[in-house]
PDB file of all heavy atoms in Angstrom:
ATOM      1  N   ALA A   1      87.464  -6.725  85.270  1.00  0.00           N
ATOM      2  CA  ALA A   1      88.455  -5.657  85.097  1.00  0.00           C
ATOM      3  C   ALA A   1      89.045  -5.708  83.691  1.00  0.00           C
ATOM      4  O   ALA A   1      89.285  -6.783  83.148  1.00  0.00           O
ATOM      5  CB  ALA A   1      89.562  -5.786  86.128  1.00  0.00           C
ATOM      6  N   LEU A   2      89.249  -4.528  83.100  1.00  0.00           N
ATOM      7  CA  LEU A   2      89.909  -4.456  81.804  1.00  0.00           C
ATOM      8  C   LEU A   2      91.297  -5.056  81.910  1.00  0.00           C
ATOM      9  O   LEU A   2      92.026  -4.824  82.882  1.00  0.00           O
ATOM     10  CB  LEU A   2      89.967  -3.008  81.321  1.00  0.00           C
ATOM     11  CG  LEU A   2      88.629  -2.467  80.836  1.00  0.00           C
ATOM     12  CD1 LEU A   2      88.608  -0.947  80.858  1.00  0.00           C
ATOM     13  CD2 LEU A   2      88.325  -2.982  79.448  1.00  0.00           C
ATOM     14  N   GLU A   3      91.664  -5.837  80.916  1.00  0.00           N
ATOM     15  CA  GLU A   3      92.896  -6.614  80.965  1.00  0.00           C
ATOM     16  C   GLU A   3      94.161  -5.767  80.835  1.00  0.00           C
ATOM     17  O   GLU A   3      95.157  -6.002  81.513  1.00  0.00           O
ATOM     18  CB  GLU A   3      92.860  -7.663  79.858  1.00  0.00           C
ATOM     19  CG  GLU A   3      93.919  -8.707  79.964  1.00  0.00           C
ATOM     20  CD  GLU A   3      93.703  -9.834  78.967  1.00  0.00           C
ATOM     21  OE1 GLU A   3      92.561 -10.035  78.510  1.00  0.00           O
ATOM     22  OE2 GLU A   3      94.695 -10.498  78.646  1.00  0.00           O
ATOM     23  N   PHE A   4      94.137  -4.770  79.973  1.00  0.00           N
ATOM     24  CA  PHE A   4      95.297  -3.919  79.745  1.00  0.00           C
ATOM     25  C   PHE A   4      94.972  -2.503  80.207  1.00  0.00           C
ATOM     26  O   PHE A   4      94.050  -1.881  79.675  1.00  0.00           O
ATOM     27  CB  PHE A   4      95.686  -3.916  78.261  1.00  0.00           C
ATOM     28  CG  PHE A   4      96.139  -5.250  77.767  1.00  0.00           C
ATOM     29  CD1 PHE A   4      95.247  -6.115  77.163  1.00  0.00           C
ATOM     30  CD2 PHE A   4      97.454  -5.650  77.926  1.00  0.00           C
ATOM     31  CE1 PHE A   4      95.649  -7.362  76.711  1.00  0.00           C
ATOM     32  CE2 PHE A   4      97.878  -6.896  77.482  1.00  0.00           C
ATOM     33  CZ  PHE A   4      96.969  -7.753  76.874  1.00  0.00           C
ATOM     34  N   VAL A   5      95.716  -1.991  81.191  1.00  0.00           N
ATOM     35  CA  VAL A   5      95.453  -0.654  81.746  1.00  0.00           C
ATOM     36  C   VAL A   5      96.751   0.136  81.755  1.00  0.00           C
ATOM     37  O   VAL A   5      97.804  -0.379  82.135  1.00  0.00           O
ATOM     38  CB  VAL A   5      94.868  -0.747  83.175  1.00  0.00           C
ATOM     39  CG1 VAL A   5      94.620   0.641  83.749  1.00  0.00           C
ATOM     40  CG2 VAL A   5      93.577  -1.547  83.168  1.00  0.00           C
ATOM     41  N   ASP A   6      96.658   1.394  81.330  1.00  0.00           N
ATOM     42  CA  ASP A   6      97.798   2.308  81.333  1.00  0.00           C
ATOM     43  C   ASP A   6      97.440   3.510  82.198  1.00  0.00           C
ATOM     44  O   ASP A   6      96.268   3.831  82.369  1.00  0.00           O
ATOM     45  CB  ASP A   6      98.105   2.753  79.907  1.00  0.00           C
ATOM     46  CG  ASP A   6      99.452   3.431  79.778  1.00  0.00           C
ATOM     47  OD1 ASP A   6     100.347   3.128  80.584  1.00  0.00           O
ATOM     48  OD2 ASP A   6      99.612   4.273  78.874  1.00  0.00           O
ATOM     49  N   HIS A   7      98.446   4.161  82.745  1.00  0.00           N
ATOM     50  CA  HIS A   7      98.268   5.254  83.703  1.00  0.00           C
ATOM     51  C   HIS A   7      99.130   6.427  83.255  1.00  0.00           C
ATOM     52  O   HIS A   7     100.316   6.260  83.004  1.00  0.00           O
ATOM     53  CB  HIS A   7      98.729   4.732  85.065  1.00  0.00           C
ATOM     54  CG  HIS A   7      98.679   5.723  86.182  1.00  0.00           C
ATOM     55  ND1 HIS A   7      98.337   5.357  87.449  1.00  0.00           N
ATOM     56  CD2 HIS A   7      98.920   7.034  86.256  1.00  0.00           C
ATOM     57  CE1 HIS A   7      98.385   6.406  88.248  1.00  0.00           C
ATOM     58  NE2 HIS A   7      98.737   7.441  87.528  1.00  0.00           N
ATOM     59  N   ASP A   8      98.526   7.613  83.154  1.00  0.00           N
ATOM     60  CA  ASP A   8      99.262   8.834  82.842  1.00  0.00           C
ATOM     61  C   ASP A   8      98.933   9.874  83.902  1.00  0.00           C
ATOM     62  O   ASP A   8      97.794   9.951  84.357  1.00  0.00           O
ATOM     63  CB  ASP A   8      98.862   9.392  81.466  1.00  0.00           C
ATOM     64  CG  ASP A   8      99.313   8.503  80.333  1.00  0.00           C
ATOM     65  OD1 ASP A   8     100.511   8.179  80.278  1.00  0.00           O
ATOM     66  OD2 ASP A   8      98.461   8.133  79.508  1.00  0.00           O
ATOM     67  N   SER A   9      99.928  10.682  84.284  1.00  0.00           N
ATOM     68  CA  SER A   9      99.715  11.723  85.292  1.00  0.00           C
ATOM     69  C   SER A   9     100.363  13.027  84.873  1.00  0.00           C
ATOM     70  O   SER A   9     101.400  13.030  84.213  1.00  0.00           O
ATOM     71  CB  SER A   9     100.334  11.315  86.637  1.00  0.00           C
ATOM     72  OG  SER A   9      99.709  10.200  87.170  1.00  0.00           O
ATOM     73  N   THR A  10      99.737  14.115  85.288  1.00  0.00           N
ATOM     74  CA  THR A  10     100.326  15.444  85.221  1.00  0.00           C
ATOM     75  C   THR A  10     100.112  16.047  86.605  1.00  0.00           C
ATOM     76  O   THR A  10      99.449  15.425  87.443  1.00  0.00           O
ATOM     77  CB  THR A  10      99.660  16.331  84.138  1.00  0.00           C
ATOM     78  OG1 THR A  10      98.337  16.642  84.554  1.00  0.00           O
ATOM     79  CG2 THR A  10      99.643  15.661  82.779  1.00  0.00           C
ATOM     80  N   PRO A  11     100.616  17.235  86.900  1.00  0.00           N
ATOM     81  CA  PRO A  11     100.390  17.809  88.232  1.00  0.00           C
ATOM     82  C   PRO A  11      98.916  17.977  88.602  1.00  0.00           C
ATOM     83  O   PRO A  11      98.567  17.965  89.768  1.00  0.00           O
ATOM     84  CB  PRO A  11     101.099  19.158  88.163  1.00  0.00           C
ATOM     85  CG  PRO A  11     102.189  18.949  87.174  1.00  0.00           C
ATOM     86  CD  PRO A  11     101.600  18.026  86.140  1.00  0.00           C
ATOM     87  N   CYS A  12      98.022  18.117  87.634  1.00  0.00           N
ATOM     88  CA  CYS A  12      96.600  18.345  87.931  1.00  0.00           C
ATOM     89  C   CYS A  12      95.671  17.260  87.405  1.00  0.00           C
ATOM     90  O   CYS A  12      94.459  17.374  87.566  1.00  0.00           O
ATOM     91  CB  CYS A  12      96.151  19.682  87.362  1.00  0.00           C
ATOM     92  SG  CYS A  12      96.994  21.088  88.097  1.00  0.00           S
ATOM     93  N   THR A  13      96.208  16.211  86.755  1.00  0.00           N
ATOM     94  CA  THR A  13      95.336  15.184  86.182  1.00  0.00           C
ATOM     95  C   THR A  13      95.888  13.783  86.368  1.00  0.00           C
ATOM     96  O   THR A  13      97.094  13.583  86.523  1.00  0.00           O
ATOM     97  CB  THR A  13      95.115  15.397  84.669  1.00  0.00           C
ATOM     98  OG1 THR A  13      96.370  15.229  84.005  1.00  0.00           O
ATOM     99  CG2 THR A  13      94.522  16.745  84.349  1.00  0.00           C
ATOM    100  N   ILE A  14      94.979  12.838  86.338  1.00  0.00           N
ATOM    101  CA  ILE A  14      95.302  11.414  86.259  1.00  0.00           C
ATOM    102  C   ILE A  14      94.437  10.860  85.134  1.00  0.00           C
ATOM    103  O   ILE A  14      93.261  11.182  85.036  1.00  0.00           O
ATOM    104  CB  ILE A  14      94.953  10.662  87.552  1.00  0.00           C
ATOM    105  CG1 ILE A  14      95.759  11.171  88.733  1.00  0.00           C
ATOM    106  CG2 ILE A  14      95.161   9.159  87.371  1.00  0.00           C
ATOM    107  CD1 ILE A  14      95.299  10.578  90.062  1.00  0.00           C
ATOM    108  N   LYS A  15      95.019  10.027  84.276  1.00  0.00           N
ATOM    109  CA  LYS A  15      94.235   9.371  83.230  1.00  0.00           C
ATOM    110  C   LYS A  15      94.534   7.884  83.241  1.00  0.00           C
ATOM    111  O   LYS A  15      95.690   7.474  83.163  1.00  0.00           O
ATOM    112  CB  LYS A  15      94.544   9.951  81.857  1.00  0.00           C
ATOM    113  CG  LYS A  15      93.692   9.316  80.754  1.00  0.00           C
ATOM    114  CD  LYS A  15      93.781  10.060  79.440  1.00  0.00           C
ATOM    115  CE  LYS A  15      94.982   9.611  78.674  1.00  0.00           C
ATOM    116  NZ  LYS A  15      95.013  10.105  77.293  1.00  0.00           N
ATOM    117  N   LEU A  16      93.471   7.082  83.378  1.00  0.00           N
ATOM    118  CA  LEU A  16      93.570   5.632  83.258  1.00  0.00           C
ATOM    119  C   LEU A  16      92.955   5.231  81.928  1.00  0.00           C
ATOM    120  O   LEU A  16      91.837   5.641  81.608  1.00  0.00           O
ATOM    121  CB  LEU A  16      92.825   4.926  84.388  1.00  0.00           C
ATOM    122  CG  LEU A  16      93.427   5.042  85.778  1.00  0.00           C
ATOM    123  CD1 LEU A  16      92.528   4.350  86.795  1.00  0.00           C
ATOM    124  CD2 LEU A  16      94.820   4.451  85.833  1.00  0.00           C
ATOM    125  N   THR A  17      93.687   4.444  81.153  1.00  0.00           N
ATOM    126  CA  THR A  17      93.205   3.959  79.867  1.00  0.00           C
ATOM    127  C   THR A  17      93.199   2.450  79.909  1.00  0.00           C
ATOM    128  O   THR A  17      94.218   1.826  80.201  1.00  0.00           O
ATOM    129  CB  THR A  17      94.118   4.430  78.719  1.00  0.00           C
ATOM    130  OG1 THR A  17      94.194   5.855  78.739  1.00  0.00           O
ATOM    131  CG2 THR A  17      93.600   3.965  77.367  1.00  0.00           C
ATOM    132  N   GLY A  18      92.046   1.854  79.651  1.00  0.00           N
ATOM    133  CA  GLY A  18      91.919   0.403  79.637  1.00  0.00           C
ATOM    134  C   GLY A  18      91.480  -0.081  78.276  1.00  0.00           C
ATOM    135  O   GLY A  18      90.693   0.579  77.590  1.00  0.00           O
ATOM    136  N   ILE A  19      91.995  -1.250  77.873  1.00  0.00           N
ATOM    137  CA  ILE A  19      91.648  -1.835  76.575  1.00  0.00           C
ATOM    138  C   ILE A  19      91.164  -3.260  76.787  1.00  0.00           C
ATOM    139  O   ILE A  19      91.781  -4.032  77.519  1.00  0.00           O
ATOM    140  CB  ILE A  19      92.863  -1.820  75.618  1.00  0.00           C
ATOM    141  CG1 ILE A  19      93.252  -0.379  75.298  1.00  0.00           C
ATOM    142  CG2 ILE A  19      92.561  -2.595  74.335  1.00  0.00           C
ATOM    143  CD1 ILE A  19      94.514  -0.241  74.467  1.00  0.00           C
ATOM    144  N   ASP A  20      90.046  -3.581  76.136  1.00  0.00           N
ATOM    145  CA  ASP A  20      89.533  -4.950  76.105  1.00  0.00           C
ATOM    146  C   ASP A  20      89.950  -5.544  74.762  1.00  0.00           C
ATOM    147  O   ASP A  20      89.409  -5.158  73.720  1.00  0.00           O
ATOM    148  CB  ASP A  20      88.012  -4.949  76.256  1.00  0.00           C
ATOM    149  CG  ASP A  20      87.443  -6.352  76.216  1.00  0.00           C
ATOM    150  OD1 ASP A  20      88.011  -7.242  76.877  1.00  0.00           O
ATOM    151  OD2 ASP A  20      86.439  -6.563  75.513  1.00  0.00           O
ATOM    152  N   PRO A  21      90.931  -6.460  74.749  1.00  0.00           N
ATOM    153  CA  PRO A  21      91.457  -6.952  73.474  1.00  0.00           C
ATOM    154  C   PRO A  21      90.443  -7.758  72.666  1.00  0.00           C
ATOM    155  O   PRO A  21      90.524  -7.793  71.441  1.00  0.00           O
ATOM    156  CB  PRO A  21      92.655  -7.808  73.882  1.00  0.00           C
ATOM    157  CG  PRO A  21      92.415  -8.177  75.295  1.00  0.00           C
ATOM    158  CD  PRO A  21      91.617  -7.064  75.888  1.00  0.00           C
ATOM    159  N   ASP A  22      89.462  -8.380  73.322  1.00  0.00           N
ATOM    160  CA  ASP A  22      88.483  -9.194  72.595  1.00  0.00           C
ATOM    161  C   ASP A  22      87.573  -8.363  71.702  1.00  0.00           C
ATOM    162  O   ASP A  22      87.169  -8.811  70.632  1.00  0.00           O
ATOM    163  CB  ASP A  22      87.623  -9.999  73.572  1.00  0.00           C
ATOM    164  CG  ASP A  22      88.439 -11.051  74.316  1.00  0.00           C
ATOM    165  OD1 ASP A  22      89.495 -11.468  73.789  1.00  0.00           O
ATOM    166  OD2 ASP A  22      88.021 -11.447  75.412  1.00  0.00           O
ATOM    167  N   THR A  23      87.220  -7.163  72.146  1.00  0.00           N
ATOM    168  CA  THR A  23      86.285  -6.328  71.394  1.00  0.00           C
ATOM    169  C   THR A  23      86.935  -5.096  70.778  1.00  0.00           C
ATOM    170  O   THR A  23      86.323  -4.431  69.951  1.00  0.00           O
ATOM    171  CB  THR A  23      85.145  -5.848  72.308  1.00  0.00           C
ATOM    172  OG1 THR A  23      85.709  -5.106  73.388  1.00  0.00           O
ATOM    173  CG2 THR A  23      84.335  -7.017  72.827  1.00  0.00           C
ATOM    174  N   GLY A  24      88.158  -4.755  71.199  1.00  0.00           N
ATOM    175  CA  GLY A  24      88.824  -3.552  70.706  1.00  0.00           C
ATOM    176  C   GLY A  24      88.269  -2.287  71.328  1.00  0.00           C
ATOM    177  O   GLY A  24      88.458  -1.193  70.809  1.00  0.00           O
ATOM    178  N   ILE A  25      87.589  -2.403  72.471  1.00  0.00           N
ATOM    179  CA  ILE A  25      87.030  -1.247  73.164  1.00  0.00           C
ATOM    180  C   ILE A  25      88.121  -0.613  74.026  1.00  0.00           C
ATOM    181  O   ILE A  25      88.829  -1.302  74.755  1.00  0.00           O
ATOM    182  CB  ILE A  25      85.835  -1.654  74.055  1.00  0.00           C
ATOM    183  CG1 ILE A  25      84.698  -2.221  73.201  1.00  0.00           C
ATOM    184  CG2 ILE A  25      85.355  -0.492  74.904  1.00  0.00           C
ATOM    185  CD1 ILE A  25      84.064  -1.236  72.270  1.00  0.00           C
ATOM    186  N   LYS A  26      88.235   0.713  73.927  1.00  0.00           N
ATOM    187  CA  LYS A  26      89.183   1.469  74.757  1.00  0.00           C
ATOM    188  C   LYS A  26      88.386   2.432  75.630  1.00  0.00           C
ATOM    189  O   LYS A  26      87.548   3.178  75.131  1.00  0.00           O
ATOM    190  CB  LYS A  26      90.163   2.241  73.877  1.00  0.00           C
ATOM    191  CG  LYS A  26      91.168   3.058  74.662  1.00  0.00           C
ATOM    192  CD  LYS A  26      92.272   3.617  73.784  1.00  0.00           C
ATOM    193  CE  LYS A  26      91.851   4.885  73.117  1.00  0.00           C
ATOM    194  NZ  LYS A  26      92.961   5.579  72.442  1.00  0.00           N
TER     195      LYS A  26
END
């Protein structure tokens, strides 16, 4: 599992953003 995960919501959307700190991949 990605170590750092953020969650954003609107009435019609959900967005999960994950970051792997070792590689800088988002």
